[in-house]
Amino acid sequence: MQNPFNVRLLRIATFLLFIGRAWEHIYWEGPFRNFFFNPHGFGKVLEWLTGSSLQDIYRDHFYEYLIDNISIAIGVIYAFSGVAAFFYSPSRKVLKWIIYLGVFCLALTFYGFFVDKHYLYGTLLEHSAQFVTPIIFLWFCNDYGLKKALIVLKVAIAITFIYHGLFAVGYYTQPGNFIDMLIIGFGIQEDMARTALTGIAWMDFLFAGVVLIPFNFLYRKQVLSRVLKVVFITLLSYAVFWGFMTSIARFYIHFDSQFICQSFEGFFHEFFGKIISWDISNDYFNRISKKEKCLGLLFFLFCSGKKNVIQYQPITSRVWK
């Protein structure tokens, strides 16, 4: 039987993930417009189904409202999935399938980001940890393949950090909102912000490599194992600190005391996506010392966070006016 504390953390993480995505899709908009109107992809299917050209479809408000309502429907599914995760137990099998439906919607959303960013694989793979969160939660609740779940979890976290590092180091275009957060948050110049992002990228790469080391190897008596253990704890502390800071930054950078509600509406779903936390596994939790637990077996995952949602008008004002 899994440690209840671990399951509780996973439950909270899954709940926050789905509720944040629900708000994003219901109040703002999911990343589906470019997918449906892509002239080299689904746009051809639309032309075939409707017998109209894409230009005519662009000008027809019916299709605009249709996409908006598809986004709202997926947001409602996310909301139900979040509630299902909050009340889930192995005896409530219906709730399990609602959560899996939410996972399917996550796949649609992340593929939408992938298309929206011109098929940039980094945009797709940086959401790996967020995608596996509800799946690992169900596995932990049902004591299903826990060793396999731990491997999947570690690989997903490593992939997430690697691709966030690739964005930060400039392999992909450095996200402007990351640079803005450093400039506004720390009052530094743009060049220094870009340099800081490069340093953060290498920390991400190091952590991604260390997290894949088998846990038992860290507790051998060899000098190398002890050194790696110190490195692991240090980088784990970095992951906790930096993940928490990027979560808070979603509010701090865009907060306006004269528009408190608007500040909350625009970015709290990104805050939820960033502050997802969990324990690595029961094996980790039982074998490490209390001091090491305090240092951070709570991962604040680097998920979603590069969506310029402020460019959208709220869906609610467009669909139900």
C-alpha atoms as a PDB file:
ATOM      1  CA  MET A   1       0.000   0.000   0.000  1.00  0.00           C
ATOM      2  CA  GLN A   2       1.365   3.395  -0.965  1.00  0.00           C
ATOM      3  CA  ASN A   3       2.229   6.045   1.612  1.00  0.00           C
ATOM      4  CA  PRO A   4      -0.962   8.175   2.072  1.00  0.00           C
ATOM      5  CA  PHE A   5       1.141  11.329   2.097  1.00  0.00           C
ATOM      6  CA  ASN A   6       2.467  10.600  -1.391  1.00  0.00           C
ATOM      7  CA  VAL A   7      -1.030   9.880  -2.716  1.00  0.00           C
ATOM      8  CA  ARG A   8      -2.311  13.074  -1.120  1.00  0.00           C
ATOM      9  CA  LEU A   9       0.355  15.158  -2.848  1.00  0.00           C
ATOM     10  CA  LEU A  10      -0.415  13.523  -6.178  1.00  0.00           C
ATOM     11  CA  ARG A  11      -4.126  14.125  -5.660  1.00  0.00           C
ATOM     12  CA  ILE A  12      -3.543  17.830  -4.998  1.00  0.00           C
ATOM     13  CA  ALA A  13      -1.219  18.080  -8.007  1.00  0.00           C
ATOM     14  CA  THR A  14      -3.761  16.442 -10.322  1.00  0.00           C
ATOM     15  CA  PHE A  15      -6.611  18.563  -8.972  1.00  0.00           C
ATOM     16  CA  LEU A  16      -4.705  21.833  -9.454  1.00  0.00           C
ATOM     17  CA  LEU A  17      -3.579  20.779 -12.926  1.00  0.00           C
ATOM     18  CA  PHE A  18      -7.116  20.093 -14.155  1.00  0.00           C
ATOM     19  CA  ILE A  19      -8.698  23.126 -12.460  1.00  0.00           C
ATOM     20  CA  GLY A  20      -6.061  25.441 -13.914  1.00  0.00           C
ATOM     21  CA  ARG A  21      -6.600  24.032 -17.399  1.00  0.00           C
ATOM     22  CA  ALA A  22     -10.370  24.277 -16.937  1.00  0.00           C
ATOM     23  CA  TRP A  23     -10.148  27.995 -16.202  1.00  0.00           C
ATOM     24  CA  GLU A  24      -7.798  28.530 -19.122  1.00  0.00           C
ATOM     25  CA  HIS A  25     -10.160  26.858 -21.597  1.00  0.00           C
ATOM     26  CA  ILE A  26     -13.444  28.201 -20.224  1.00  0.00           C
ATOM     27  CA  TYR A  27     -12.525  31.810 -19.535  1.00  0.00           C
ATOM     28  CA  TRP A  28      -9.736  32.291 -22.058  1.00  0.00           C
ATOM     29  CA  GLU A  29      -9.194  29.924 -24.953  1.00  0.00           C
ATOM     30  CA  GLY A  30      -7.550  26.613 -25.748  1.00  0.00           C
ATOM     31  CA  PRO A  31      -4.880  26.388 -28.467  1.00  0.00           C
ATOM     32  CA  PHE A  32      -7.188  24.940 -31.116  1.00  0.00           C
ATOM     33  CA  ARG A  33      -7.743  27.761 -33.593  1.00  0.00           C
ATOM     34  CA  ASN A  34      -4.558  27.215 -35.590  1.00  0.00           C
ATOM     35  CA  PHE A  35      -5.154  23.464 -35.533  1.00  0.00           C
ATOM     36  CA  PHE A  36      -8.607  23.731 -37.114  1.00  0.00           C
ATOM     37  CA  PHE A  37      -7.638  26.474 -39.581  1.00  0.00           C
ATOM     38  CA  ASN A  38      -4.276  25.017 -40.601  1.00  0.00           C
ATOM     39  CA  PRO A  39      -4.335  25.049 -44.457  1.00  0.00           C
ATOM     40  CA  HIS A  40      -1.867  22.148 -44.548  1.00  0.00           C
ATOM     41  CA  GLY A  41      -3.662  20.058 -41.936  1.00  0.00           C
ATOM     42  CA  PHE A  42      -7.209  20.002 -40.601  1.00  0.00           C
ATOM     43  CA  GLY A  43      -8.113  23.005 -42.733  1.00  0.00           C
ATOM     44  CA  LYS A  44      -8.278  20.681 -45.742  1.00  0.00           C
ATOM     45  CA  VAL A  45     -10.725  18.466 -43.844  1.00  0.00           C
ATOM     46  CA  LEU A  46     -12.882  21.505 -43.082  1.00  0.00           C
ATOM     47  CA  GLU A  47     -12.908  22.471 -46.753  1.00  0.00           C
ATOM     48  CA  TRP A  48     -13.933  18.936 -47.693  1.00  0.00           C
ATOM     49  CA  LEU A  49     -16.659  18.739 -45.055  1.00  0.00           C
ATOM     50  CA  THR A  50     -18.165  22.157 -45.702  1.00  0.00           C
ATOM     51  CA  GLY A  51     -17.536  22.559 -49.419  1.00  0.00           C
ATOM     52  CA  SER A  52     -16.248  26.072 -48.692  1.00  0.00           C
ATOM     53  CA  SER A  53     -12.803  27.591 -49.028  1.00  0.00           C
ATOM     54  CA  LEU A  54     -10.765  28.398 -45.924  1.00  0.00           C
ATOM     55  CA  GLN A  55     -11.130  32.090 -46.701  1.00  0.00           C
ATOM     56  CA  ASP A  56     -14.922  31.763 -46.470  1.00  0.00           C
ATOM     57  CA  ILE A  57     -14.589  29.714 -43.280  1.00  0.00           C
ATOM     58  CA  TYR A  58     -12.372  32.412 -41.755  1.00  0.00           C
ATOM     59  CA  ARG A  59     -15.063  35.014 -42.393  1.00  0.00           C
ATOM     60  CA  ASP A  60     -17.901  32.875 -41.054  1.00  0.00           C
ATOM     61  CA  HIS A  61     -18.524  33.637 -37.354  1.00  0.00           C
ATOM     62  CA  PHE A  62     -20.240  30.274 -36.951  1.00  0.00           C
ATOM     63  CA  TYR A  63     -16.893  28.462 -37.043  1.00  0.00           C
ATOM     64  CA  GLU A  64     -15.323  30.990 -34.683  1.00  0.00           C
ATOM     65  CA  TYR A  65     -18.067  30.369 -32.132  1.00  0.00           C
ATOM     66  CA  LEU A  66     -17.850  26.622 -32.758  1.00  0.00           C
ATOM     67  CA  ILE A  67     -14.151  26.580 -31.841  1.00  0.00           C
ATOM     68  CA  ASP A  68     -14.854  28.742 -28.809  1.00  0.00           C
ATOM     69  CA  ASN A  69     -17.512  26.308 -27.611  1.00  0.00           C
ATOM     70  CA  ILE A  70     -15.225  23.326 -28.245  1.00  0.00           C
ATOM     71  CA  SER A  71     -12.689  25.021 -25.981  1.00  0.00           C
ATOM     72  CA  ILE A  72     -15.365  25.586 -23.331  1.00  0.00           C
ATOM     73  CA  ALA A  73     -16.491  21.960 -23.561  1.00  0.00           C
ATOM     74  CA  ILE A  74     -12.940  20.735 -23.025  1.00  0.00           C
ATOM     75  CA  GLY A  75     -12.647  23.135 -20.094  1.00  0.00           C
ATOM     76  CA  VAL A  76     -15.766  21.603 -18.550  1.00  0.00           C
ATOM     77  CA  ILE A  77     -14.219  18.145 -18.952  1.00  0.00           C
ATOM     78  CA  TYR A  78     -11.114  19.419 -17.161  1.00  0.00           C
ATOM     79  CA  ALA A  79     -13.287  20.748 -14.332  1.00  0.00           C
ATOM     80  CA  PHE A  80     -15.053  17.387 -13.935  1.00  0.00           C
ATOM     81  CA  SER A  81     -11.680  15.618 -14.070  1.00  0.00           C
ATOM     82  CA  GLY A  82     -10.338  17.829 -11.293  1.00  0.00           C
ATOM     83  CA  VAL A  83     -13.343  17.072  -9.097  1.00  0.00           C
ATOM     84  CA  ALA A  84     -12.999  13.369  -9.952  1.00  0.00           C
ATOM     85  CA  ALA A  85      -9.337  13.416  -8.887  1.00  0.00           C
ATOM     86  CA  PHE A  86     -10.254  15.114  -5.617  1.00  0.00           C
ATOM     87  CA  PHE A  87     -12.777  12.399  -4.686  1.00  0.00           C
ATOM     88  CA  TYR A  88     -11.164   9.411  -6.411  1.00  0.00           C
ATOM     89  CA  SER A  89     -10.650   6.066  -4.697  1.00  0.00           C
ATOM     90  CA  PRO A  90     -10.022   2.647  -6.288  1.00  0.00           C
ATOM     91  CA  SER A  91     -13.640   1.609  -5.600  1.00  0.00           C
ATOM     92  CA  ARG A  92     -15.007   4.534  -7.662  1.00  0.00           C
ATOM     93  CA  LYS A  93     -14.248   3.260 -11.136  1.00  0.00           C
ATOM     94  CA  VAL A  94     -16.381   5.855 -12.946  1.00  0.00           C
ATOM     95  CA  LEU A  95     -14.157   8.628 -11.588  1.00  0.00           C
ATOM     96  CA  LYS A  96     -11.103   6.838 -12.988  1.00  0.00           C
ATOM     97  CA  TRP A  97     -12.485   7.048 -16.525  1.00  0.00           C
ATOM     98  CA  ILE A  98     -13.354  10.713 -16.061  1.00  0.00           C
ATOM     99  CA  ILE A  99      -9.715  11.330 -15.112  1.00  0.00           C
ATOM    100  CA  TYR A 100      -8.535   9.388 -18.163  1.00  0.00           C
ATOM    101  CA  LEU A 101     -10.842  11.542 -20.299  1.00  0.00           C
ATOM    102  CA  GLY A 102      -9.085  14.545 -18.808  1.00  0.00           C
ATOM    103  CA  VAL A 103      -5.731  13.001 -19.752  1.00  0.00           C
ATOM    104  CA  PHE A 104      -6.988  12.628 -23.333  1.00  0.00           C
ATOM    105  CA  CYS A 105      -7.946  16.316 -23.335  1.00  0.00           C
ATOM    106  CA  LEU A 106      -4.459  17.162 -22.045  1.00  0.00           C
ATOM    107  CA  ALA A 107      -3.040  15.370 -25.086  1.00  0.00           C
ATOM    108  CA  LEU A 108      -5.290  17.484 -27.351  1.00  0.00           C
ATOM    109  CA  THR A 109      -4.252  20.687 -25.593  1.00  0.00           C
ATOM    110  CA  PHE A 110      -0.535  19.959 -25.751  1.00  0.00           C
ATOM    111  CA  TYR A 111      -0.817  18.975 -29.417  1.00  0.00           C
ATOM    112  CA  GLY A 112      -2.603  22.287 -29.949  1.00  0.00           C
ATOM    113  CA  PHE A 113       0.384  24.113 -28.441  1.00  0.00           C
ATOM    114  CA  PHE A 114       2.622  22.047 -30.711  1.00  0.00           C
ATOM    115  CA  VAL A 115       0.704  23.164 -33.825  1.00  0.00           C
ATOM    116  CA  ASP A 116       0.367  26.731 -32.533  1.00  0.00           C
ATOM    117  CA  LYS A 117       4.171  26.995 -32.250  1.00  0.00           C
ATOM    118  CA  HIS A 118       4.737  25.688 -35.784  1.00  0.00           C
ATOM    119  CA  TYR A 119       5.435  22.066 -34.816  1.00  0.00           C
ATOM    120  CA  LEU A 120       8.221  22.894 -32.387  1.00  0.00           C
ATOM    121  CA  TYR A 121       8.952  19.641 -30.569  1.00  0.00           C
ATOM    122  CA  GLY A 122      10.223  21.473 -27.517  1.00  0.00           C
ATOM    123  CA  THR A 123       6.757  22.954 -27.006  1.00  0.00           C
ATOM    124  CA  LEU A 124       5.275  19.460 -27.005  1.00  0.00           C
ATOM    125  CA  LEU A 125       7.837  17.658 -24.833  1.00  0.00           C
ATOM    126  CA  GLU A 126       8.196  20.366 -22.182  1.00  0.00           C
ATOM    127  CA  HIS A 127       4.751  19.323 -20.922  1.00  0.00           C
ATOM    128  CA  SER A 128       5.825  15.723 -20.273  1.00  0.00           C
ATOM    129  CA  ALA A 129       5.736  15.960 -16.477  1.00  0.00           C
ATOM    130  CA  GLN A 130       2.360  17.665 -16.507  1.00  0.00           C
ATOM    131  CA  PHE A 131       0.918  15.017 -18.838  1.00  0.00           C
ATOM    132  CA  VAL A 132       1.939  12.048 -16.671  1.00  0.00           C
ATOM    133  CA  THR A 133       0.766  13.595 -13.387  1.00  0.00           C
ATOM    134  CA  PRO A 134      -2.803  12.196 -13.452  1.00  0.00           C
ATOM    135  CA  ILE A 135      -1.592   8.836 -14.787  1.00  0.00           C
ATOM    136  CA  ILE A 136       0.951   8.443 -11.973  1.00  0.00           C
ATOM    137  CA  PHE A 137      -1.740   9.476  -9.491  1.00  0.00           C
ATOM    138  CA  LEU A 138      -4.005   6.638 -10.654  1.00  0.00           C
ATOM    139  CA  TRP A 139      -1.126   4.154 -10.603  1.00  0.00           C
ATOM    140  CA  PHE A 140      -0.207   5.133  -7.057  1.00  0.00           C
ATOM    141  CA  CYS A 141      -3.811   4.904  -5.872  1.00  0.00           C
ATOM    142  CA  ASN A 142      -4.184   1.411  -7.305  1.00  0.00           C
ATOM    143  CA  ASP A 143      -0.703   0.101  -6.395  1.00  0.00           C
ATOM    144  CA  TYR A 144      -0.177  -0.640 -10.059  1.00  0.00           C
ATOM    145  CA  GLY A 145       3.380  -1.028 -11.327  1.00  0.00           C
ATOM    146  CA  LEU A 146       4.930   1.316  -8.787  1.00  0.00           C
ATOM    147  CA  LYS A 147       8.495   0.700  -9.947  1.00  0.00           C
ATOM    148  CA  LYS A 148       7.408   1.388 -13.511  1.00  0.00           C
ATOM    149  CA  ALA A 149       5.525   4.473 -12.322  1.00  0.00           C
ATOM    150  CA  LEU A 150       8.695   5.775 -10.673  1.00  0.00           C
ATOM    151  CA  ILE A 151      10.707   5.275 -13.867  1.00  0.00           C
ATOM    152  CA  VAL A 152       8.037   7.036 -15.958  1.00  0.00           C
ATOM    153  CA  LEU A 153       7.916   9.876 -13.444  1.00  0.00           C
ATOM    154  CA  LYS A 154      11.684  10.378 -13.408  1.00  0.00           C
ATOM    155  CA  VAL A 155      11.950  10.280 -17.208  1.00  0.00           C
ATOM    156  CA  ALA A 156       9.075  12.752 -17.601  1.00  0.00           C
ATOM    157  CA  ILE A 157      10.652  15.164 -15.110  1.00  0.00           C
ATOM    158  CA  ALA A 158      14.017  14.859 -16.867  1.00  0.00           C
ATOM    159  CA  ILE A 159      12.469  15.551 -20.287  1.00  0.00           C
ATOM    160  CA  THR A 160      10.614  18.551 -18.887  1.00  0.00           C
ATOM    161  CA  PHE A 161      13.777  20.068 -17.438  1.00  0.00           C
ATOM    162  CA  ILE A 162      15.820  19.309 -20.570  1.00  0.00           C
ATOM    163  CA  TYR A 163      13.415  21.098 -22.881  1.00  0.00           C
ATOM    164  CA  HIS A 164      12.946  24.038 -20.549  1.00  0.00           C
ATOM    165  CA  GLY A 165      16.728  24.226 -20.511  1.00  0.00           C
ATOM    166  CA  LEU A 166      16.832  24.196 -24.314  1.00  0.00           C
ATOM    167  CA  PHE A 167      14.474  27.171 -24.379  1.00  0.00           C
ATOM    168  CA  ALA A 168      16.457  29.012 -21.707  1.00  0.00           C
ATOM    169  CA  VAL A 169      19.858  28.385 -23.290  1.00  0.00           C
ATOM    170  CA  GLY A 170      18.682  29.664 -26.675  1.00  0.00           C
ATOM    171  CA  TYR A 171      18.594  26.415 -28.671  1.00  0.00           C
ATOM    172  CA  TYR A 172      15.005  27.417 -29.254  1.00  0.00           C
ATOM    173  CA  THR A 173      14.131  31.107 -29.147  1.00  0.00           C
ATOM    174  CA  GLN A 174      14.378  32.335 -25.576  1.00  0.00           C
ATOM    175  CA  PRO A 175      10.811  33.064 -24.397  1.00  0.00           C
ATOM    176  CA  GLY A 176      10.227  36.789 -24.094  1.00  0.00           C
ATOM    177  CA  ASN A 177       8.034  36.353 -21.012  1.00  0.00           C
ATOM    178  CA  PHE A 178      10.888  34.573 -19.189  1.00  0.00           C
ATOM    179  CA  ILE A 179      13.185  37.494 -19.935  1.00  0.00           C
ATOM    180  CA  ASP A 180      10.505  39.989 -18.865  1.00  0.00           C
ATOM    181  CA  MET A 181      10.054  38.166 -15.564  1.00  0.00           C
ATOM    182  CA  LEU A 182      13.762  38.474 -14.782  1.00  0.00           C
ATOM    183  CA  ILE A 183      13.931  42.123 -15.867  1.00  0.00           C
ATOM    184  CA  ILE A 184      10.848  43.172 -13.898  1.00  0.00           C
ATOM    185  CA  GLY A 185      11.394  40.862 -10.947  1.00  0.00           C
ATOM    186  CA  PHE A 186      15.074  41.629 -10.339  1.00  0.00           C
ATOM    187  CA  GLY A 187      15.450  45.011 -12.034  1.00  0.00           C
ATOM    188  CA  ILE A 188      18.286  43.836 -14.313  1.00  0.00           C
ATOM    189  CA  GLN A 189      19.121  44.653 -17.919  1.00  0.00           C
ATOM    190  CA  GLU A 190      18.120  42.431 -20.839  1.00  0.00           C
ATOM    191  CA  ASP A 191      21.668  41.183 -21.499  1.00  0.00           C
ATOM    192  CA  MET A 192      22.063  40.115 -17.896  1.00  0.00           C
ATOM    193  CA  ALA A 193      18.640  38.444 -17.974  1.00  0.00           C
ATOM    194  CA  ARG A 194      19.643  36.411 -21.032  1.00  0.00           C
ATOM    195  CA  THR A 195      22.903  35.417 -19.358  1.00  0.00           C
ATOM    196  CA  ALA A 196      21.013  34.389 -16.217  1.00  0.00           C
ATOM    197  CA  LEU A 197      18.688  32.241 -18.321  1.00  0.00           C
ATOM    198  CA  THR A 198      21.704  30.499 -19.800  1.00  0.00           C
ATOM    199  CA  GLY A 199      22.987  29.677 -16.312  1.00  0.00           C
ATOM    200  CA  ILE A 200      19.552  28.411 -15.298  1.00  0.00           C
ATOM    201  CA  ALA A 201      19.502  26.228 -18.417  1.00  0.00           C
ATOM    202  CA  TRP A 202      22.698  24.433 -17.392  1.00  0.00           C
ATOM    203  CA  MET A 203      21.263  23.849 -13.913  1.00  0.00           C
ATOM    204  CA  ASP A 204      18.216  22.307 -15.600  1.00  0.00           C
ATOM    205  CA  PHE A 205      20.449  20.024 -17.676  1.00  0.00           C
ATOM    206  CA  LEU A 206      22.411  18.922 -14.606  1.00  0.00           C
ATOM    207  CA  PHE A 207      19.283  18.181 -12.655  1.00  0.00           C
ATOM    208  CA  ALA A 208      17.764  16.248 -15.561  1.00  0.00           C
ATOM    209  CA  GLY A 209      20.850  14.032 -15.616  1.00  0.00           C
ATOM    210  CA  VAL A 210      21.058  13.503 -11.861  1.00  0.00           C
ATOM    211  CA  VAL A 211      17.376  12.669 -11.420  1.00  0.00           C
ATOM    212  CA  LEU A 212      17.821   9.649 -13.717  1.00  0.00           C
ATOM    213  CA  ILE A 213      20.490   8.091 -11.481  1.00  0.00           C
ATOM    214  CA  PRO A 214      19.086   4.968  -9.740  1.00  0.00           C
ATOM    215  CA  PHE A 215      18.216   5.896  -6.190  1.00  0.00           C
ATOM    216  CA  ASN A 216      19.993   2.892  -4.618  1.00  0.00           C
ATOM    217  CA  PHE A 217      23.264   4.002  -6.183  1.00  0.00           C
ATOM    218  CA  LEU A 218      23.167   7.235  -4.167  1.00  0.00           C
ATOM    219  CA  TYR A 219      23.221   5.290  -0.896  1.00  0.00           C
ATOM    220  CA  ARG A 220      26.237   3.103  -1.503  1.00  0.00           C
ATOM    221  CA  LYS A 221      29.345   3.668   0.600  1.00  0.00           C
ATOM    222  CA  GLN A 222      31.625   4.620  -2.271  1.00  0.00           C
ATOM    223  CA  VAL A 223      32.936   8.170  -2.395  1.00  0.00           C
ATOM    224  CA  LEU A 224      31.371   8.723  -5.842  1.00  0.00           C
ATOM    225  CA  SER A 225      27.945   7.776  -4.512  1.00  0.00           C
ATOM    226  CA  ARG A 226      28.281  10.194  -1.614  1.00  0.00           C
ATOM    227  CA  VAL A 227      29.346  12.994  -3.935  1.00  0.00           C
ATOM    228  CA  LEU A 228      26.412  12.290  -6.264  1.00  0.00           C
ATOM    229  CA  LYS A 229      24.089  12.275  -3.274  1.00  0.00           C
ATOM    230  CA  VAL A 230      25.232  15.767  -2.282  1.00  0.00           C
ATOM    231  CA  VAL A 231      24.843  16.949  -5.877  1.00  0.00           C
ATOM    232  CA  PHE A 232      21.395  15.381  -6.070  1.00  0.00           C
ATOM    233  CA  ILE A 233      20.172  17.078  -2.877  1.00  0.00           C
ATOM    234  CA  THR A 234      21.638  20.427  -3.999  1.00  0.00           C
ATOM    235  CA  LEU A 235      19.990  20.275  -7.402  1.00  0.00           C
ATOM    236  CA  LEU A 236      16.751  19.040  -5.853  1.00  0.00           C
ATOM    237  CA  SER A 237      16.753  22.086  -3.583  1.00  0.00           C
ATOM    238  CA  TYR A 238      17.337  24.237  -6.662  1.00  0.00           C
ATOM    239  CA  ALA A 239      14.361  22.585  -8.405  1.00  0.00           C
ATOM    240  CA  VAL A 240      12.089  23.309  -5.434  1.00  0.00           C
ATOM    241  CA  PHE A 241      13.245  26.914  -5.086  1.00  0.00           C
ATOM    242  CA  TRP A 242      13.226  27.804  -8.772  1.00  0.00           C
ATOM    243  CA  GLY A 243       9.914  26.070  -9.404  1.00  0.00           C
ATOM    244  CA  PHE A 244       8.318  27.989  -6.543  1.00  0.00           C
ATOM    245  CA  MET A 245       9.771  31.288  -7.751  1.00  0.00           C
ATOM    246  CA  THR A 246       8.486  30.793 -11.301  1.00  0.00           C
ATOM    247  CA  SER A 247       5.053  30.017  -9.837  1.00  0.00           C
ATOM    248  CA  ILE A 248       4.937  33.180  -7.734  1.00  0.00           C
ATOM    249  CA  ALA A 249       6.324  35.216 -10.633  1.00  0.00           C
ATOM    250  CA  ARG A 250       3.144  34.538 -12.617  1.00  0.00           C
ATOM    251  CA  PHE A 251       1.304  36.775 -10.157  1.00  0.00           C
ATOM    252  CA  TYR A 252       4.057  39.143  -9.100  1.00  0.00           C
ATOM    253  CA  ILE A 253       5.163  40.233 -12.566  1.00  0.00           C
ATOM    254  CA  HIS A 254       1.674  40.879 -13.911  1.00  0.00           C
ATOM    255  CA  PHE A 255       0.019  42.048 -10.702  1.00  0.00           C
ATOM    256  CA  ASP A 256      -1.617  45.470 -10.709  1.00  0.00           C
ATOM    257  CA  SER A 257      -3.092  46.711  -7.438  1.00  0.00           C
ATOM    258  CA  GLN A 258      -5.692  48.724  -9.371  1.00  0.00           C
ATOM    259  CA  PHE A 259      -6.824  45.633 -11.312  1.00  0.00           C
ATOM    260  CA  ILE A 260      -6.596  42.832  -8.755  1.00  0.00           C
ATOM    261  CA  CYS A 261      -9.329  40.676 -10.278  1.00  0.00           C
ATOM    262  CA  GLN A 262      -7.872  40.990 -13.769  1.00  0.00           C
ATOM    263  CA  SER A 263      -4.433  40.026 -12.469  1.00  0.00           C
ATOM    264  CA  PHE A 264      -5.918  36.937 -10.868  1.00  0.00           C
ATOM    265  CA  GLU A 265      -8.040  35.992 -13.891  1.00  0.00           C
ATOM    266  CA  GLY A 266      -5.195  36.163 -16.352  1.00  0.00           C
ATOM    267  CA  PHE A 267      -2.489  34.114 -14.698  1.00  0.00           C
ATOM    268  CA  PHE A 268      -3.737  31.940 -11.860  1.00  0.00           C
ATOM    269  CA  HIS A 269      -4.092  28.903 -14.155  1.00  0.00           C
ATOM    270  CA  GLU A 270      -0.400  29.214 -15.019  1.00  0.00           C
ATOM    271  CA  PHE A 271       0.349  29.453 -11.296  1.00  0.00           C
ATOM    272  CA  PHE A 272      -1.537  26.189 -10.750  1.00  0.00           C
ATOM    273  CA  GLY A 273       0.344  24.571 -13.616  1.00  0.00           C
ATOM    274  CA  LYS A 274       3.651  25.594 -12.069  1.00  0.00           C
ATOM    275  CA  ILE A 275       3.027  24.771  -8.457  1.00  0.00           C
ATOM    276  CA  ILE A 276       2.173  21.119  -9.038  1.00  0.00           C
ATOM    277  CA  SER A 277       4.119  19.208  -6.417  1.00  0.00           C
ATOM    278  CA  TRP A 278       4.580  15.643  -5.343  1.00  0.00           C
ATOM    279  CA  ASP A 279       6.800  13.168  -3.563  1.00  0.00           C
ATOM    280  CA  ILE A 280       9.033  11.038  -5.822  1.00  0.00           C
ATOM    281  CA  SER A 281       7.953   7.652  -4.453  1.00  0.00           C
ATOM    282  CA  ASN A 282       7.374   5.654  -1.318  1.00  0.00           C
ATOM    283  CA  ASP A 283      10.842   4.095  -1.654  1.00  0.00           C
ATOM    284  CA  TYR A 284      12.426   7.529  -1.700  1.00  0.00           C
ATOM    285  CA  PHE A 285      10.307   8.764   1.157  1.00  0.00           C
ATOM    286  CA  ASN A 286      11.042   5.798   3.435  1.00  0.00           C
ATOM    287  CA  ARG A 287      14.779   5.647   2.834  1.00  0.00           C
ATOM    288  CA  ILE A 288      15.876   9.255   3.120  1.00  0.00           C
ATOM    289  CA  SER A 289      16.429  11.179   6.317  1.00  0.00           C
ATOM    290  CA  LYS A 290      14.139  13.888   7.693  1.00  0.00           C
ATOM    291  CA  LYS A 291      16.711  16.498   6.776  1.00  0.00           C
ATOM    292  CA  GLU A 292      16.695  15.370   3.158  1.00  0.00           C
ATOM    293  CA  LYS A 293      12.894  15.340   3.113  1.00  0.00           C
ATOM    294  CA  CYS A 294      12.938  18.964   4.174  1.00  0.00           C
ATOM    295  CA  LEU A 295      15.419  19.764   1.421  1.00  0.00           C
ATOM    296  CA  GLY A 296      12.888  18.815  -1.092  1.00  0.00           C
ATOM    297  CA  LEU A 297      11.148  15.699  -2.217  1.00  0.00           C
ATOM    298  CA  LEU A 298       8.501  18.105  -3.420  1.00  0.00           C
ATOM    299  CA  PHE A 299       8.986  18.866  -7.097  1.00  0.00           C
ATOM    300  CA  PHE A 300       7.533  22.090  -8.364  1.00  0.00           C
ATOM    301  CA  LEU A 301       7.302  21.057 -12.007  1.00  0.00           C
ATOM    302  CA  PHE A 302       8.227  23.321 -14.869  1.00  0.00           C
ATOM    303  CA  CYS A 303       4.983  22.939 -16.848  1.00  0.00           C
ATOM    304  CA  SER A 304       3.048  25.101 -19.270  1.00  0.00           C
ATOM    305  CA  GLY A 305       4.201  28.683 -18.582  1.00  0.00           C
ATOM    306  CA  LYS A 306       4.860  29.994 -22.088  1.00  0.00           C
ATOM    307  CA  LYS A 307       1.317  30.862 -23.113  1.00  0.00           C
ATOM    308  CA  ASN A 308       0.659  34.522 -23.907  1.00  0.00           C
ATOM    309  CA  VAL A 309      -2.923  34.338 -22.733  1.00  0.00           C
ATOM    310  CA  ILE A 310      -3.249  38.105 -22.403  1.00  0.00           C
ATOM    311  CA  GLN A 311      -3.466  38.407 -26.176  1.00  0.00           C
ATOM    312  CA  TYR A 312      -6.904  36.732 -26.093  1.00  0.00           C
ATOM    313  CA  GLN A 313     -10.234  38.285 -25.325  1.00  0.00           C
ATOM    314  CA  PRO A 314     -12.114  36.180 -22.756  1.00  0.00           C
ATOM    315  CA  ILE A 315     -14.295  33.569 -24.420  1.00  0.00           C
ATOM    316  CA  THR A 316     -17.228  34.388 -22.184  1.00  0.00           C
ATOM    317  CA  SER A 317     -17.542  37.856 -23.691  1.00  0.00           C
ATOM    318  CA  ARG A 318     -17.462  36.466 -27.234  1.00  0.00           C
ATOM    319  CA  VAL A 319     -19.749  33.453 -27.016  1.00  0.00           C
ATOM    320  CA  TRP A 320     -22.475  34.379 -24.566  1.00  0.00           C
ATOM    321  CA  LYS A 321     -22.923  38.075 -25.250  1.00  0.00           C
END
